[in-house]
N, C-alpha and C. Protein backbone atom coordinates (compact mmCIF):
# COMPACT_ATOMS: atom_id res chain seq x y z
N MET A 1 -7.24 4.18 4.68
CA MET A 1 -7.20 5.07 3.54
C MET A 1 -6.50 4.36 2.40
N VAL A 2 -7.00 4.59 1.21
CA VAL A 2 -6.40 4.02 0.00
C VAL A 2 -6.18 5.17 -0.98
N ARG A 3 -4.95 5.34 -1.41
CA ARG A 3 -4.63 6.40 -2.36
C ARG A 3 -3.98 5.78 -3.59
N SER A 4 -4.46 6.17 -4.75
CA SER A 4 -3.93 5.68 -6.01
C SER A 4 -2.70 6.50 -6.41
N ILE A 5 -1.63 5.82 -6.78
CA ILE A 5 -0.41 6.47 -7.24
C ILE A 5 -0.26 6.08 -8.72
N THR A 6 -0.20 7.09 -9.57
CA THR A 6 -0.14 6.78 -11.00
C THR A 6 1.29 6.46 -11.44
N SER A 7 2.15 7.43 -11.55
CA SER A 7 3.50 7.14 -12.03
C SER A 7 4.55 7.96 -11.29
N ARG A 8 4.22 8.48 -10.13
CA ARG A 8 5.15 9.33 -9.40
C ARG A 8 6.13 8.55 -8.52
N ALA A 9 5.94 7.27 -8.39
CA ALA A 9 6.78 6.49 -7.48
C ALA A 9 8.25 6.59 -7.89
N GLU A 10 9.10 6.84 -6.91
CA GLU A 10 10.52 6.98 -7.17
C GLU A 10 11.35 5.87 -6.54
N LYS A 11 10.72 5.03 -5.75
CA LYS A 11 11.42 3.95 -5.07
C LYS A 11 10.78 2.62 -5.43
N THR A 12 11.47 1.55 -5.10
CA THR A 12 10.91 0.21 -5.25
C THR A 12 10.34 -0.21 -3.90
N TYR A 13 9.13 -0.73 -3.91
CA TYR A 13 8.46 -1.20 -2.70
C TYR A 13 8.13 -2.67 -2.86
N ILE A 14 7.90 -3.36 -1.76
CA ILE A 14 7.47 -4.75 -1.80
C ILE A 14 5.98 -4.81 -1.46
N CYS A 15 5.21 -5.38 -2.36
CA CYS A 15 3.77 -5.52 -2.16
C CYS A 15 3.51 -6.61 -1.12
N PRO A 16 2.76 -6.31 -0.05
CA PRO A 16 2.46 -7.33 0.96
C PRO A 16 1.51 -8.42 0.46
N GLY A 17 0.84 -8.17 -0.65
CA GLY A 17 -0.09 -9.17 -1.17
C GLY A 17 0.59 -10.30 -1.90
N CYS A 18 1.66 -9.99 -2.64
CA CYS A 18 2.33 -11.02 -3.45
C CYS A 18 3.83 -11.11 -3.18
N SER A 19 4.34 -10.24 -2.34
CA SER A 19 5.76 -10.22 -1.96
C SER A 19 6.71 -10.00 -3.13
N THR A 20 6.23 -9.33 -4.17
CA THR A 20 7.11 -8.97 -5.28
C THR A 20 7.22 -7.46 -5.35
N ALA A 21 8.13 -6.97 -6.16
CA ALA A 21 8.44 -5.55 -6.22
C ALA A 21 7.37 -4.74 -6.94
N VAL A 22 7.11 -3.56 -6.39
CA VAL A 22 6.34 -2.53 -7.06
C VAL A 22 7.40 -1.55 -7.56
N LEU A 23 7.68 -1.59 -8.84
CA LEU A 23 8.78 -0.84 -9.41
C LEU A 23 8.45 0.64 -9.59
N PRO A 24 9.47 1.51 -9.61
CA PRO A 24 9.24 2.94 -9.85
C PRO A 24 8.51 3.15 -11.18
N GLY A 25 7.57 4.06 -11.18
CA GLY A 25 6.82 4.38 -12.38
C GLY A 25 5.60 3.51 -12.63
N ILE A 26 5.41 2.47 -11.82
CA ILE A 26 4.26 1.57 -11.98
C ILE A 26 3.10 2.08 -11.12
N ALA A 27 1.92 2.15 -11.72
CA ALA A 27 0.74 2.58 -10.96
C ALA A 27 0.45 1.55 -9.87
N HIS A 28 0.12 2.04 -8.68
CA HIS A 28 -0.17 1.16 -7.55
C HIS A 28 -0.99 1.91 -6.51
N LEU A 29 -1.25 1.27 -5.37
CA LEU A 29 -2.03 1.88 -4.30
C LEU A 29 -1.17 2.00 -3.04
N VAL A 30 -1.36 3.09 -2.31
CA VAL A 30 -0.74 3.25 -1.00
C VAL A 30 -1.87 3.15 0.01
N VAL A 31 -1.71 2.27 0.99
CA VAL A 31 -2.79 1.95 1.94
C VAL A 31 -2.29 2.13 3.36
N TRP A 32 -3.10 2.80 4.21
CA TRP A 32 -2.77 2.95 5.61
C TRP A 32 -4.04 3.10 6.43
N SER A 33 -3.91 2.96 7.73
CA SER A 33 -5.05 3.02 8.63
C SER A 33 -5.11 4.38 9.31
N GLU A 34 -6.24 5.04 9.24
CA GLU A 34 -6.41 6.32 9.93
C GLU A 34 -6.81 6.11 11.39
N ASP A 35 -7.34 4.95 11.72
CA ASP A 35 -7.77 4.69 13.10
C ASP A 35 -6.80 3.73 13.80
N HIS A 36 -5.52 3.96 13.62
CA HIS A 36 -4.47 3.15 14.24
C HIS A 36 -4.52 3.32 15.75
N LEU A 37 -4.17 2.28 16.47
CA LEU A 37 -4.18 2.29 17.93
C LEU A 37 -3.36 3.45 18.51
N PHE A 38 -2.25 3.79 17.86
CA PHE A 38 -1.37 4.85 18.35
C PHE A 38 -1.54 6.17 17.61
N GLY A 39 -2.63 6.34 16.89
CA GLY A 39 -2.93 7.59 16.23
C GLY A 39 -2.71 7.55 14.72
N ALA A 40 -3.20 8.60 14.08
CA ALA A 40 -3.14 8.68 12.62
C ALA A 40 -1.71 8.72 12.10
N ALA A 41 -0.80 9.39 12.83
CA ALA A 41 0.59 9.48 12.38
C ALA A 41 1.24 8.09 12.37
N ALA A 42 0.92 7.26 13.34
CA ALA A 42 1.47 5.91 13.38
C ALA A 42 0.92 5.07 12.22
N GLY A 43 -0.35 5.25 11.91
CA GLY A 43 -0.94 4.55 10.78
C GLY A 43 -0.28 4.95 9.48
N LEU A 44 -0.02 6.24 9.32
CA LEU A 44 0.64 6.73 8.11
C LEU A 44 2.07 6.19 8.02
N ALA A 45 2.75 6.09 9.15
CA ALA A 45 4.12 5.57 9.16
C ALA A 45 4.16 4.10 8.77
N GLU A 46 3.07 3.37 8.97
CA GLU A 46 3.01 1.95 8.63
C GLU A 46 2.32 1.70 7.28
N ARG A 47 2.24 2.70 6.44
CA ARG A 47 1.58 2.54 5.14
C ARG A 47 2.32 1.52 4.30
N ARG A 48 1.57 0.89 3.41
CA ARG A 48 2.11 -0.15 2.54
C ARG A 48 1.72 0.15 1.10
N HIS A 49 2.57 -0.27 0.19
CA HIS A 49 2.35 -0.07 -1.24
C HIS A 49 1.93 -1.40 -1.86
N TRP A 50 0.76 -1.41 -2.47
CA TRP A 50 0.16 -2.61 -3.03
C TRP A 50 0.02 -2.48 -4.54
N HIS A 51 0.17 -3.61 -5.26
CA HIS A 51 -0.28 -3.66 -6.66
C HIS A 51 -1.81 -3.53 -6.60
N SER A 52 -2.38 -2.87 -7.56
CA SER A 52 -3.84 -2.68 -7.56
C SER A 52 -4.58 -4.01 -7.53
N ASN A 53 -4.15 -4.96 -8.34
CA ASN A 53 -4.83 -6.26 -8.39
C ASN A 53 -4.67 -7.02 -7.07
N CYS A 54 -3.52 -6.93 -6.44
CA CYS A 54 -3.31 -7.61 -5.16
C CYS A 54 -4.24 -7.04 -4.09
N TRP A 55 -4.47 -5.72 -4.12
CA TRP A 55 -5.37 -5.11 -3.15
C TRP A 55 -6.80 -5.60 -3.36
N ILE A 56 -7.21 -5.68 -4.60
CA ILE A 56 -8.58 -6.12 -4.91
C ILE A 56 -8.80 -7.56 -4.48
N THR A 57 -7.79 -8.41 -4.65
CA THR A 57 -7.95 -9.84 -4.36
C THR A 57 -7.34 -10.24 -3.02
N ARG A 58 -7.06 -9.30 -2.15
CA ARG A 58 -6.41 -9.60 -0.86
C ARG A 58 -7.26 -10.53 -0.01
N THR A 59 -6.61 -11.20 0.92
CA THR A 59 -7.31 -12.13 1.81
C THR A 59 -7.90 -11.37 2.99
N TYR A 60 -8.61 -12.08 3.82
CA TYR A 60 -9.27 -11.48 4.97
C TYR A 60 -8.29 -10.83 5.94
N ARG A 61 -7.00 -11.20 5.93
CA ARG A 61 -6.03 -10.64 6.86
C ARG A 61 -5.91 -9.14 6.74
N TYR A 62 -6.15 -8.59 5.55
CA TYR A 62 -5.94 -7.16 5.32
C TYR A 62 -7.23 -6.38 5.24
N ARG A 63 -8.36 -6.98 5.52
CA ARG A 63 -9.63 -6.27 5.41
C ARG A 63 -10.01 -5.60 6.69
């Protein structure tokens, strides 16, 4: 699942694509797997916050 976050972010996250900060108030994507081996709740718990451009240009590791 990929969800777009416009400006509601209240915390700083580290983007797994570029390893830099996704600052509060910056539009970004929240990505998680619904078909996780241990169920949907586990996939949601492992969600990651990506810069939009990093998600678009990600390598095969995250596809």
